[in-house]
Amino acid sequence: MASSILPTMVPSVYSRYLSHSSGIRIHTDTIIQDALKSRNSNYHVTATTCDLIKYAKAGNATAQLSSSPVFPHLFYRDYQATIGQIGQINSDKPTNGTLKTTDIFATYNYVWQGHSLIVLVINCQNDLSPAPAKHRTYILSAKSEDNETENDTYSIADSLIQAAGVWDDRSDEEIWVFDKGRCTKDRALWLTLQNATFNDVVLPNGMKEDIIKDTIGFFDARKHYQNLGTPWKVLYKSFSS
């Protein structure tokens, strides 16, 4: 079982992470990869920025947070406002927000398509910029005893990353929002707009009519985009049928 490596792996990895976090942080990813590889010669270590925990929570895999006493779970909790449904914004009973947990240092026993893996999620600072630290995911997969199939073990992690990446790029009941130079998906906003109509939009009549005209014109022109070979859904794929 992949989880059997935790008692020997965790103390070393966590102590180095804690020591590194106490000083000048330049490239956490290098420290973590080196710690994992130096103590786990029987396992492949694959680093990725792909959110495998989100992929598992969607039902594509199982990810169980390790409950080992020698492996602490570092995290923080934040309040996250919930976007109210149309008609509830000015209601006497406003929608309550939720508490969101963000991992700082966590390990999961991960099972995907019958493969047992160890997945670590660690908050990494990889340069001296003031930008917030980013999460890195580390996949530990057992090496095969048969050297002839050594590459197959690597393919497990690669196939998982590929599948999770394709899944995350889709737009299933989500809206793409462009903010601060990047596009992100927002399911809460999608849910909010399901019962909305243009009657809920507060704008000058002339501006609203122009927006309605442009919106209808865009969707009616889908065949024209296809005939011209233009990617009709690049910025509007959450609205496509």
Protein backbone atom coordinates (compact mmCIF):
# COMPACT_ATOMS: atom_id res chain seq x y z
CA MET A 1 0.00 0.00 0.00
CA ALA A 2 1.23 3.47 -0.86
CA SER A 3 0.25 4.79 2.57
CA SER A 4 2.91 2.58 4.20
CA ILE A 5 5.63 5.08 3.27
CA LEU A 6 4.16 7.83 5.46
CA PRO A 7 5.84 6.93 8.79
CA THR A 8 9.34 7.15 7.25
CA MET A 9 8.70 9.91 4.76
CA VAL A 10 6.74 12.49 6.71
CA PRO A 11 9.15 13.47 9.52
CA SER A 12 11.93 14.28 7.06
CA VAL A 13 9.75 16.12 4.53
CA TYR A 14 7.83 18.10 7.13
CA SER A 15 10.92 19.06 9.15
CA ARG A 16 12.63 20.36 6.03
CA TYR A 17 9.49 22.24 4.99
CA LEU A 18 9.19 23.81 8.45
CA SER A 19 12.88 24.75 8.50
CA HIS A 20 12.67 26.21 5.02
CA SER A 21 9.57 28.22 5.89
CA SER A 22 11.39 29.83 8.82
CA GLY A 23 13.98 31.56 6.65
CA ILE A 24 14.27 33.27 3.28
CA ARG A 25 12.10 31.38 0.84
CA ILE A 26 13.32 31.31 -2.74
CA HIS A 27 12.18 28.07 -4.33
CA THR A 28 10.14 25.79 -2.11
CA ASP A 29 9.44 23.40 -4.97
CA THR A 30 13.11 22.44 -5.22
CA ILE A 31 13.36 21.77 -1.48
CA ILE A 32 10.26 19.57 -1.44
CA GLN A 33 11.16 17.56 -4.53
CA ASP A 34 14.67 16.96 -3.20
CA ALA A 35 13.30 15.84 0.18
CA LEU A 36 10.84 13.44 -1.42
CA LYS A 37 13.30 11.91 -3.87
CA SER A 38 16.16 11.54 -1.41
CA ARG A 39 14.08 9.46 1.03
CA ASN A 40 11.84 7.55 -1.36
CA SER A 41 13.95 5.78 -3.97
CA ASN A 42 11.15 3.25 -4.56
CA TYR A 43 8.72 5.95 -5.65
CA HIS A 44 8.47 8.27 -8.61
CA VAL A 45 7.89 11.90 -7.67
CA THR A 46 5.89 14.02 -10.12
CA ALA A 47 5.23 17.70 -9.42
CA THR A 48 2.32 19.55 -11.01
CA THR A 49 0.19 22.65 -10.60
CA CYS A 50 -2.93 20.67 -11.51
CA ASP A 51 -5.60 20.69 -8.79
CA LEU A 52 -6.02 16.97 -8.22
CA ILE A 53 -8.04 17.44 -5.03
CA LYS A 54 -10.66 19.48 -6.87
CA TYR A 55 -10.69 16.76 -9.52
CA ALA A 56 -11.30 14.12 -6.85
CA LYS A 57 -14.03 16.12 -5.10
CA ALA A 58 -15.92 16.18 -8.41
CA GLY A 59 -16.18 12.39 -8.19
CA ASN A 60 -13.37 11.46 -10.56
CA ALA A 61 -11.13 9.94 -7.87
CA THR A 62 -11.00 9.48 -4.10
CA ALA A 63 -8.74 11.63 -1.92
CA GLN A 64 -8.65 10.88 1.80
CA LEU A 65 -6.74 13.29 4.02
CA SER A 66 -4.04 11.43 5.93
CA SER A 67 -4.84 11.02 9.60
CA SER A 68 -1.34 9.98 10.58
CA PRO A 69 -0.28 11.66 13.88
CA VAL A 70 3.22 12.26 12.48
CA PHE A 71 1.83 14.10 9.47
CA PRO A 72 0.28 17.44 10.49
CA HIS A 73 -2.30 19.11 8.33
CA LEU A 74 -1.56 22.83 7.99
CA PHE A 75 -4.38 24.98 6.65
CA TYR A 76 -6.25 28.22 7.12
CA ARG A 77 -9.95 29.05 7.12
CA ASP A 78 -11.54 32.02 5.41
CA TYR A 79 -15.03 33.41 5.13
CA GLN A 80 -16.31 33.32 1.56
CA ALA A 81 -19.36 35.37 0.68
CA THR A 82 -22.08 33.57 -1.24
CA ILE A 83 -23.52 35.35 -4.23
CA GLY A 84 -27.24 35.77 -3.55
CA GLN A 85 -29.83 34.57 -5.99
CA ILE A 86 -31.64 37.15 -8.10
CA GLY A 87 -34.40 38.65 -5.95
CA GLN A 88 -32.61 37.88 -2.68
CA ILE A 89 -30.01 40.63 -2.84
CA ASN A 90 -32.22 43.13 -1.00
CA SER A 91 -34.11 40.48 0.93
CA ASP A 92 -34.61 40.63 4.69
CA LYS A 93 -33.01 37.17 4.80
CA PRO A 94 -29.68 37.55 3.02
CA THR A 95 -27.77 34.46 1.92
CA ASN A 96 -25.12 33.40 4.43
CA GLY A 97 -21.56 32.85 3.32
CA THR A 98 -19.44 29.74 3.88
CA LEU A 99 -16.09 28.90 5.43
CA LYS A 100 -13.42 27.73 3.00
CA THR A 101 -10.41 25.62 3.96
CA THR A 102 -7.15 26.19 2.08
CA ASP A 103 -4.34 23.67 2.50
CA ILE A 104 -0.84 24.84 3.36
CA PHE A 105 0.69 21.40 3.89
CA ALA A 106 -1.47 18.31 3.41
CA THR A 107 -1.16 14.71 2.30
CA TYR A 108 -3.88 12.58 0.76
CA ASN A 109 -4.22 8.87 0.13
CA TYR A 110 -5.36 9.06 -3.47
CA VAL A 111 -6.99 6.38 -5.59
CA TRP A 112 -7.58 6.89 -9.31
CA GLN A 113 -8.69 4.15 -11.71
CA GLY A 114 -7.50 1.49 -9.28
CA HIS A 115 -4.07 3.08 -8.70
CA SER A 116 -3.10 3.91 -5.11
CA LEU A 117 -1.03 7.07 -4.90
CA ILE A 118 0.19 9.56 -2.33
CA VAL A 119 -0.67 13.17 -3.20
CA LEU A 120 0.85 16.07 -1.29
CA VAL A 121 -0.52 19.60 -1.59
CA ILE A 122 1.97 22.23 -0.42
CA ASN A 123 1.93 26.02 -0.48
CA CYS A 124 5.12 27.00 -2.31
CA GLN A 125 7.01 30.28 -2.66
CA ASN A 126 9.22 29.95 -5.72
CA ASP A 127 10.65 33.45 -6.01
CA LEU A 128 11.09 36.68 -4.07
CA SER A 129 8.16 38.47 -5.67
CA PRO A 130 5.43 39.86 -3.39
CA ALA A 131 2.83 37.73 -5.20
CA PRO A 132 0.99 35.16 -3.05
CA ALA A 133 2.51 31.71 -2.80
CA LYS A 134 1.08 29.09 -5.13
CA HIS A 135 0.10 25.52 -4.46
CA ARG A 136 2.10 22.63 -5.86
CA THR A 137 0.87 19.07 -5.99
CA TYR A 138 3.29 16.15 -5.67
CA ILE A 139 2.33 12.66 -6.83
CA LEU A 140 4.18 9.68 -5.38
CA SER A 141 3.70 6.48 -7.37
CA ALA A 142 5.41 3.19 -6.60
CA LYS A 143 8.10 2.04 -9.01
CA SER A 144 7.59 -1.30 -10.68
CA GLU A 145 9.79 -4.23 -9.70
CA ASP A 146 10.08 -5.08 -13.38
CA ASN A 147 12.53 -2.70 -15.06
CA GLU A 148 10.93 -3.37 -18.41
CA THR A 149 7.75 -1.66 -17.25
CA GLU A 150 9.46 1.23 -15.45
CA ASN A 151 8.04 3.82 -17.83
CA ASP A 152 4.50 2.56 -17.19
CA THR A 153 4.73 3.81 -13.62
CA TYR A 154 5.50 7.32 -14.82
CA SER A 155 2.54 7.12 -17.16
CA ILE A 156 0.15 6.73 -14.21
CA ALA A 157 0.97 10.22 -12.94
CA ASP A 158 1.04 11.65 -16.46
CA SER A 159 -2.32 10.10 -17.33
CA LEU A 160 -3.83 11.45 -14.11
CA ILE A 161 -2.57 14.97 -14.82
CA GLN A 162 -3.82 14.74 -18.40
CA ALA A 163 -7.28 13.60 -17.33
CA ALA A 164 -7.56 16.22 -14.59
CA GLY A 165 -6.35 18.95 -16.94
CA VAL A 166 -8.89 18.07 -19.65
CA TRP A 167 -11.64 17.94 -17.03
CA ASP A 168 -10.69 21.31 -15.54
CA ASP A 169 -10.63 22.99 -18.95
CA ARG A 170 -14.26 22.13 -19.61
CA SER A 171 -17.12 24.45 -18.76
CA ASP A 172 -19.81 22.45 -16.99
CA GLU A 173 -22.39 24.83 -15.56
CA GLU A 174 -19.79 27.54 -14.98
CA ILE A 175 -19.11 31.02 -16.32
CA TRP A 176 -15.67 32.23 -17.35
CA VAL A 177 -14.85 35.51 -15.65
CA PHE A 178 -11.93 37.67 -16.81
CA ASP A 179 -10.43 39.46 -13.81
CA LYS A 180 -6.93 40.73 -12.97
CA GLY A 181 -5.46 39.50 -16.23
CA ARG A 182 -6.72 35.92 -16.10
CA CYS A 183 -9.84 33.86 -16.73
CA THR A 184 -11.39 31.83 -13.93
CA LYS A 185 -14.55 29.73 -13.73
CA ASP A 186 -17.36 30.76 -11.40
CA ARG A 187 -20.12 28.24 -10.72
CA ALA A 188 -21.84 30.45 -8.13
CA LEU A 189 -22.32 33.16 -10.72
CA TRP A 190 -23.68 30.61 -13.19
CA LEU A 191 -26.24 29.45 -10.63
CA THR A 192 -27.22 33.04 -9.87
CA LEU A 193 -27.97 33.79 -13.51
CA GLN A 194 -30.17 30.77 -14.18
CA ASN A 195 -33.36 32.59 -13.21
CA ALA A 196 -32.24 36.00 -14.38
CA THR A 197 -33.70 37.93 -17.31
CA PHE A 198 -32.87 41.24 -18.91
CA ASN A 199 -35.65 42.71 -16.77
CA ASP A 200 -33.28 42.27 -13.81
CA VAL A 201 -30.58 44.37 -15.50
CA VAL A 202 -30.56 48.01 -14.39
CA LEU A 203 -29.11 50.08 -17.23
CA PRO A 204 -30.23 53.00 -19.42
CA ASN A 205 -32.76 51.73 -21.97
CA GLY A 206 -30.56 52.52 -24.95
CA MET A 207 -27.55 50.67 -23.51
CA LYS A 208 -29.66 47.67 -22.52
CA GLU A 209 -31.18 47.45 -26.02
CA ASP A 210 -27.70 47.54 -27.56
CA ILE A 211 -26.49 44.73 -25.28
CA ILE A 212 -29.54 42.58 -26.08
CA LYS A 213 -29.01 43.17 -29.80
CA ASP A 214 -25.30 42.28 -29.60
CA THR A 215 -26.01 39.15 -27.53
CA ILE A 216 -28.72 37.82 -29.84
CA GLY A 217 -26.63 38.70 -32.86
CA PHE A 218 -23.67 36.76 -31.52
CA PHE A 219 -25.63 33.56 -30.93
CA ASP A 220 -27.46 33.85 -34.25
CA ALA A 221 -24.11 34.19 -36.03
CA ARG A 222 -22.75 30.82 -34.87
CA LYS A 223 -22.93 29.27 -38.36
CA HIS A 224 -21.11 32.25 -39.83
CA TYR A 225 -18.24 31.73 -37.36
CA GLN A 226 -18.11 28.05 -38.32
CA ASN A 227 -18.07 28.86 -42.05
CA LEU A 228 -15.20 31.29 -41.52
CA GLY A 229 -13.27 28.81 -39.37
CA THR A 230 -13.34 31.20 -36.40
CA PRO A 231 -13.46 29.65 -32.88
CA TRP A 232 -16.93 30.81 -31.88
CA LYS A 233 -16.66 29.48 -28.30
CA VAL A 234 -13.25 30.83 -27.25
CA LEU A 235 -14.64 33.43 -24.85
CA TYR A 236 -18.23 32.19 -24.67
CA LYS A 237 -17.94 28.45 -24.17
CA SER A 238 -19.93 28.51 -20.92
CA PHE A 239 -22.93 29.80 -22.89
CA SER A 240 -22.80 27.30 -25.74
CA SER A 241 -25.41 24.63 -26.18
